[in-house]
Every structure is written in C-alpha cells, then in structure tokens.
Protein backbone atom coordinates (compact mmCIF):
# COMPACT_ATOMS: atom_id res chain seq x y z
CA UNK A 1 -2.26 17.43 8.71
CA UNK A 2 1.07 18.79 10.03
CA UNK A 3 4.19 17.06 8.82
CA UNK A 4 6.72 18.05 11.52
CA UNK A 5 8.95 15.28 12.83
CA UNK A 6 7.25 12.57 14.84
CA UNK A 7 7.66 8.89 15.70
CA UNK A 8 4.95 6.39 16.57
CA UNK A 9 4.03 2.73 16.51
CA UNK A 10 2.30 1.26 13.47
CA UNK A 11 0.34 -1.56 15.13
CA UNK A 12 -1.76 -2.29 12.06
CA UNK A 13 1.26 -3.68 10.16
CA UNK A 14 2.65 -7.20 10.09
CA UNK A 15 6.09 -8.52 9.16
CA UNK A 16 6.66 -11.54 6.94
CA UNK A 17 10.03 -13.21 6.41
CA UNK A 18 10.75 -15.04 3.18
CA UNK A 19 13.87 -17.14 3.63
CA UNK A 20 15.81 -19.83 1.80
CA UNK A 21 18.20 -20.21 -1.09
CA UNK A 22 15.42 -19.69 -3.66
CA UNK A 23 13.67 -16.77 -1.94
CA UNK A 24 14.61 -14.12 -4.49
CA UNK A 25 13.80 -16.28 -7.50
CA UNK A 26 10.52 -17.37 -5.94
CA UNK A 27 9.38 -13.81 -5.22
CA UNK A 28 10.41 -12.70 -8.71
CA UNK A 29 7.76 -15.05 -10.09
CA UNK A 30 5.05 -13.92 -7.65
CA UNK A 31 5.34 -10.14 -7.22
CA UNK A 32 4.88 -7.31 -9.69
CA UNK A 33 8.12 -5.43 -8.99
CA UNK A 34 11.68 -6.45 -9.79
CA UNK A 35 13.24 -8.18 -6.79
CA UNK A 36 16.69 -7.38 -8.16
CA UNK A 37 16.05 -3.83 -6.94
CA UNK A 38 15.83 -4.82 -3.27
CA UNK A 39 18.35 -3.37 -0.84
CA UNK A 40 18.63 -3.19 2.94
CA UNK A 41 17.93 0.55 3.38
CA UNK A 42 14.83 1.31 1.34
CA UNK A 43 11.37 -0.24 1.19
CA UNK A 44 10.07 -1.11 -2.27
CA UNK A 45 6.39 -1.39 -3.20
CA UNK A 46 5.29 -4.60 -4.89
CA UNK A 47 1.88 -6.05 -5.62
CA UNK A 48 0.79 -9.64 -5.09
CA UNK A 49 -1.95 -10.52 -7.58
CA UNK A 50 -4.20 -13.38 -8.50
CA UNK A 51 -4.35 -14.81 -12.02
CA UNK A 52 -6.90 -12.16 -13.03
CA UNK A 53 -4.47 -9.36 -12.17
CA UNK A 54 -6.42 -8.31 -9.07
CA UNK A 55 -4.48 -7.09 -6.06
CA UNK A 56 -4.33 -9.54 -3.17
CA UNK A 57 -1.95 -7.29 -1.22
CA UNK A 58 0.33 -4.29 -1.61
CA UNK A 59 3.62 -5.16 0.06
CA UNK A 60 6.67 -3.20 1.17
CA UNK A 61 9.82 -5.22 0.59
CA UNK A 62 13.42 -5.01 1.80
CA UNK A 63 16.44 -7.28 1.82
CA UNK A 64 17.47 -8.57 5.24
CA UNK A 65 20.71 -10.13 6.43
CA UNK A 66 21.66 -13.56 5.16
CA UNK A 67 19.72 -13.18 1.92
CA UNK A 68 16.29 -13.23 3.55
CA UNK A 69 13.56 -10.86 2.40
CA UNK A 70 11.31 -8.96 4.81
CA UNK A 71 7.88 -7.70 3.85
CA UNK A 72 5.62 -5.20 5.64
CA UNK A 73 1.89 -5.33 4.97
CA UNK A 74 -1.45 -4.75 6.75
CA UNK A 75 -1.93 -7.35 9.47
CA UNK A 76 -5.45 -8.20 8.31
CA UNK A 77 -4.24 -9.48 4.95
CA UNK A 78 -1.06 -11.22 6.17
CA UNK A 79 -2.67 -14.67 6.66
CA UNK A 80 -4.09 -14.51 3.12
CA UNK A 81 -0.66 -13.65 1.72
CA UNK A 82 1.08 -16.46 3.60
CA UNK A 83 -1.55 -18.96 2.46
CA UNK A 84 -1.39 -17.76 -1.15
CA UNK A 85 2.40 -17.79 -1.41
CA UNK A 86 2.77 -21.21 0.20
CA UNK A 87 0.58 -22.70 -2.53
CA UNK A 88 3.32 -21.90 -5.06
CA UNK A 89 6.40 -23.00 -3.10
CA UNK A 90 6.29 -26.63 -4.35
CA UNK A 91 9.93 -27.81 -4.36
CA UNK A 92 11.54 -24.39 -4.03
CA UNK A 93 13.89 -23.90 -1.08
CA UNK A 94 11.73 -21.21 0.50
CA UNK A 95 10.06 -20.68 3.86
CA UNK A 96 7.39 -18.03 4.50
CA UNK A 97 6.73 -17.12 8.13
CA UNK A 98 4.87 -14.44 10.05
CA UNK A 99 7.70 -12.67 11.91
CA UNK A 100 5.59 -9.91 13.46
CA UNK A 101 6.20 -11.01 17.04
CA UNK A 102 9.94 -10.50 16.67
CA UNK A 103 9.65 -6.75 15.98
CA UNK A 104 8.15 -3.43 17.00
CA UNK A 105 7.22 -1.42 13.92
CA UNK A 106 7.61 2.35 14.11
CA UNK A 107 6.90 5.03 11.57
CA UNK A 108 9.00 8.18 11.48
CA UNK A 109 7.87 11.43 9.86
CA UNK A 110 10.86 13.56 8.93
CA UNK A 111 14.49 12.50 9.29
CA UNK A 112 15.16 9.17 11.04
CA UNK A 113 16.46 9.39 14.64
CA UNK A 114 19.62 7.81 16.02
CA UNK A 115 18.85 4.21 16.95
CA UNK A 116 20.45 1.34 18.81
CA UNK A 117 22.32 -1.48 17.12
CA UNK A 118 20.01 -4.05 15.62
CA UNK A 119 17.24 -1.60 14.66
CA UNK A 120 16.53 -1.61 10.91
CA UNK A 121 16.07 1.88 9.45
CA UNK A 122 14.18 1.70 6.16
CA UNK A 123 13.26 4.53 3.85
CA UNK A 124 9.49 4.71 3.21
CA UNK A 125 8.45 5.39 -0.40
CA UNK A 126 6.31 8.47 -1.01
CA UNK A 127 6.37 12.21 -1.48
CA UNK A 128 6.86 13.11 2.22
CA UNK A 129 10.19 12.20 3.86
CA UNK A 130 9.42 9.21 6.06
CA UNK A 131 11.04 6.04 7.30
CA UNK A 132 10.23 2.86 9.16
CA UNK A 133 12.08 1.44 12.15
CA UNK A 134 12.01 -2.28 12.82
CA UNK A 135 13.12 -2.72 16.41
CA UNK A 136 13.81 -6.19 17.84
CA UNK A 137 11.09 -6.94 20.39
CA UNK A 138 13.64 -7.81 23.09
CA UNK A 139 14.97 -4.24 23.16
CA UNK A 140 13.50 -1.51 25.37
CA UNK A 141 10.68 0.24 23.49
CA UNK A 142 11.25 3.58 21.85
CA UNK A 143 9.08 6.53 22.85
CA UNK A 144 5.43 5.86 22.03
CA UNK A 145 5.11 9.19 20.18
CA UNK A 146 2.12 11.39 19.52
CA UNK A 147 -1.39 10.11 20.35
CA UNK A 148 -2.64 11.10 16.89
CA UNK A 149 0.31 9.51 15.08
CA UNK A 150 -1.66 6.76 13.34
CA UNK A 151 -4.07 9.34 11.91
CA UNK A 152 -1.20 11.54 10.72
CA UNK A 153 0.47 8.55 9.05
CA UNK A 154 -2.80 7.59 7.35
CA UNK A 155 -3.22 11.15 6.09
CA UNK A 156 0.24 11.06 4.51
CA UNK A 157 -0.46 7.67 2.90
CA UNK A 158 -3.60 9.11 1.36
CA UNK A 159 -1.89 12.31 0.24
CA UNK A 160 0.77 10.14 -1.39
CA UNK A 161 -1.97 8.25 -3.26
CA UNK A 162 -1.10 4.85 -1.75
CA UNK A 163 -3.95 2.38 -1.51
CA UNK A 164 -4.81 0.48 1.67
CA UNK A 165 -5.42 -3.15 0.69
CA UNK A 166 -6.91 -5.01 3.63
CA UNK A 167 -8.66 -8.37 3.93
CA UNK A 168 -12.04 -6.80 3.13
CA UNK A 169 -10.97 -5.48 -0.30
CA UNK A 170 -8.27 -8.01 -1.19
CA UNK A 171 -8.80 -9.30 -4.74
CA UNK A 172 -11.27 -6.54 -5.62
CA UNK A 173 -9.22 -4.26 -7.90
CA UNK A 174 -6.91 -4.73 -10.88
CA UNK A 175 -3.45 -3.26 -10.24
CA UNK A 176 -3.92 -0.10 -12.33
CA UNK A 177 -7.23 0.69 -10.60
CA UNK A 178 -5.15 1.28 -7.45
CA UNK A 179 -2.48 3.21 -9.40
CA UNK A 180 0.24 0.66 -8.65
CA UNK A 181 1.83 1.62 -11.95
CA UNK A 182 2.09 5.23 -10.69
CA UNK A 183 3.82 4.44 -7.37
CA UNK A 184 6.64 2.30 -8.81
CA UNK A 185 5.05 -0.98 -7.70
CA UNK A 186 5.12 -2.65 -11.13
CA UNK A 187 8.01 -3.54 -13.43
CA UNK A 188 6.89 -4.00 -17.04
CA UNK A 189 10.17 -5.54 -18.21
CA UNK A 190 11.06 -8.06 -15.46
CA UNK A 191 9.33 -11.10 -16.95
CA UNK A 192 6.42 -13.26 -15.87
CA UNK A 193 4.66 -13.28 -12.52
CA UNK A 194 1.16 -14.23 -11.44
CA UNK A 195 -1.33 -11.81 -13.03
CA UNK A 196 1.31 -10.32 -15.34
CA UNK A 197 -0.56 -10.97 -18.58
CA UNK A 198 -3.66 -9.04 -17.49
CA UNK A 199 -1.66 -6.16 -15.99
CA UNK A 200 0.58 -5.83 -19.06
CA UNK A 201 -2.40 -5.92 -21.42
CA UNK A 202 -4.08 -3.08 -19.52
CA UNK A 203 -0.84 -1.10 -19.63
CA UNK A 204 0.01 -1.47 -23.30
CA UNK A 205 -3.54 -1.28 -24.63
CA UNK A 206 -4.59 1.58 -22.35
CA UNK A 207 -7.90 0.06 -21.31
CA UNK A 208 -8.02 1.17 -17.67
CA UNK A 209 -11.28 3.07 -17.30
CA UNK A 210 -11.36 3.27 -13.51
CA UNK A 211 -8.63 4.75 -11.32
CA UNK A 212 -8.17 5.58 -7.66
CA UNK A 213 -8.60 9.31 -7.06
CA UNK A 214 -8.50 11.55 -4.00
CA UNK A 215 -11.47 13.59 -2.74
CA UNK A 216 -12.83 15.50 0.23
CA UNK A 217 -16.55 15.78 0.95
CA UNK A 218 -18.00 19.28 0.91
CA UNK A 219 -20.17 18.60 3.98
CA UNK A 220 -20.18 16.21 6.91
CA UNK A 221 -19.92 12.58 5.78
CA UNK A 222 -18.42 9.80 7.88
CA UNK A 223 -17.23 7.51 5.09
CA UNK A 224 -15.67 4.09 5.63
CA UNK A 225 -13.28 2.09 3.48
CA UNK A 226 -15.24 -0.41 1.39
CA UNK A 227 -18.30 1.82 1.02
CA UNK A 228 -19.90 2.08 -2.43
CA UNK A 229 -21.41 5.48 -3.27
CA UNK A 230 -22.41 7.83 -6.07
CA UNK A 231 -20.53 11.09 -6.56
CA UNK A 232 -22.34 14.32 -7.42
CA UNK A 233 -21.11 14.06 -11.02
CA UNK A 234 -22.89 10.72 -11.48
CA UNK A 235 -19.90 8.41 -11.11
CA UNK A 236 -20.15 5.23 -9.05
CA UNK A 237 -17.21 4.94 -6.65
CA UNK A 238 -15.76 2.47 -4.13
CA UNK A 239 -13.92 3.95 -1.15
CA UNK A 240 -10.42 2.50 -0.66
CA UNK A 241 -9.43 4.59 2.38
CA UNK A 242 -11.13 7.38 4.35
CA UNK A 243 -10.16 9.82 7.08
CA UNK A 244 -12.62 11.88 9.12
CA UNK A 245 -11.59 15.52 9.60
CA UNK A 246 -12.36 17.53 12.74
CA UNK A 247 -15.05 19.51 10.89
CA UNK A 248 -16.95 16.32 10.02
CA UNK A 249 -15.89 16.12 6.39
CA UNK A 250 -14.24 12.98 5.03
CA UNK A 251 -11.11 12.88 2.94
CA UNK A 252 -11.03 9.69 0.92
CA UNK A 253 -9.42 7.67 -1.84
CA UNK A 254 -11.92 6.02 -4.16
CA UNK A 255 -11.82 3.99 -7.35
CA UNK A 256 -14.09 5.55 -9.95
CA UNK A 257 -14.31 6.43 -13.65
CA UNK A 258 -11.26 8.14 -15.16
CA UNK A 259 -11.17 10.63 -16.77
CA UNK A 260 -14.12 12.26 -15.02
CA UNK A 261 -17.11 12.86 -17.30
CA UNK A 262 -19.15 16.03 -17.45
CA UNK A 263 -21.34 16.17 -14.33
CA UNK A 264 -24.85 14.80 -14.71
CA UNK A 265 -27.43 17.49 -13.99
CA UNK A 266 -29.96 15.40 -12.07
CA UNK A 267 -27.79 13.10 -9.92
CA UNK A 268 -28.25 13.15 -6.15
CA UNK A 269 -24.79 12.08 -5.05
CA UNK A 270 -22.07 13.03 -2.59
CA UNK A 271 -20.75 16.51 -3.30
CA UNK A 272 -16.99 16.49 -3.03
CA UNK A 273 -13.88 18.29 -4.23
CA UNK A 274 -11.08 16.50 -6.07
CA UNK A 275 -7.73 16.74 -4.26
CA UNK A 276 -4.34 16.43 -6.00
CA UNK A 277 -2.21 13.32 -6.11
CA UNK A 278 1.60 13.53 -6.23
CA UNK A 279 1.66 11.70 -9.57
CA UNK A 280 -0.21 12.16 -12.84
CA UNK A 281 -2.84 9.60 -13.81
CA UNK A 282 -2.39 8.22 -17.34
CA UNK A 283 -5.05 9.49 -19.75
C-alpha cells in the first residue's frame, strides 16, 4: 500500500469521554498502561482486560481539557467497554459517556495538516508517521479524502502489528497473544489493574506460547477476521485482521504458535509467507 500523505474519515471508531475528579485514578486501576503518561498531543495504547487477563478492548487514550480523558476504540466494542467500566465506578467521582456524536474522526497519513481552532491533533502510535484529527461535529467537514482511505489505514495498522479487537473477538486473547507488550500498551511497574496478575505472570515466567504474527497467503484466499484455520506448517491459527489484495491473496494477522515449529510434512493447510513486524517477538 502507498504511504503518501492522505486524510480520510475513520467511521469505524468511537469516542469515549471519562470525566470527573477521580478519572485518572480510576483508569489507573482498570487499564494496562500508566495513565501518568497521558498528554494532550499523543495517543497512548492501553488494554482493558478481564480478570483472566484477556483483552476486552485495545484503547487509544489522550488527555483532554479540564482533566477529562478521551479514548478512541472500535465502535463495535464501545458499548461493552462502557458497561464494563461502569461496573467498577462504585463511589468514584467518574462519569463514562459515549461522546462519538460530538466529533468527526479523521486519520492522517503523513504530516498533519493545518486545522481550525478546536480540532484536536493527536499523534498516532506506530511505525508510519500518522495522526488523528478530532473535529467538533458543528464545524464544516474537512475534505472526505481518498475513496480507498479506510483500506490504506487498515493496511498500515496491520503492518504496524496492531490488533483489531472488535465485539466478535473481545475477551478471546490474553494480552501477550496480541503483542500488547510489544506496542507499548502495558506498563509492568505501574501497580495493580484488572487482569494484572495473569499478564505479569506470563511476562516474568515467559509462558506465552501463542503470539500474533503477520502473513500473506500464497494463492487466492478471502480470509475474514475471526476465522480459525490451519497453516501449511501444521499450526492452528485464529485470524485477528485480514485484508484482501487486488490479486486475490489475503494479508492477515493471526494468533498462532510461537516460535514456529518445523513444518509438518503431511498437513493440508493454507500456504502462506510470513511478513515482518516492526518489533521483535520475545522468544
């Protein structure tokens, strides 16, 4: 996919606002990254997990004006996240609201453009220079951008090795299976949060036997996220994200055995080539 400058809407994302005097403290006890690192110019990855350390959602966090926190996440999983977080509010001075209707969400590949007052310009984490624009919905829309923008953005997410956690696979994978420790989404010295014990044990004892890896099929194969399949080397895999190329082949991220074993001679599985990730996977 080309990576020249482009801007386009990201309609699959939602915006949550976490407000109140205890917002930072509350999130510190719920999310896997250190909320002390939040600023108003850069998005920070953080995982929301259940008590078994499985990923409910992968969030992008930033600090908004007045001490509020804004989170970007796939729209399909936003209701689950709101419901989950509200269970833990108790007496904390925190409100959690879906703020999507107040914004237009744009992605920018390359350097960010000049924008009007009130538009939030947020650096997007990853290997390719990107950013996100949050434009108040009452402003005139920015240019709609390229018709293939969503596909280009997805391709960059996959090349950056960033998992897509939607409602259909929420709660399916432990944090390290989705490489959250490799994309700076986990702090191992911030203290307790939901799922922390399981995630820390996997980190310090090195017992993660399945990791998300990147592949491309060697022949036509229209794969879909959530599909279970067998690779040609005998490994069982679960597709986390997939992108169909013009030649009919599928590029995909899948959780499977790591490190890869020697190929089994008699397996009838999907023949594919391993593609690089921008970070090393722990042995």
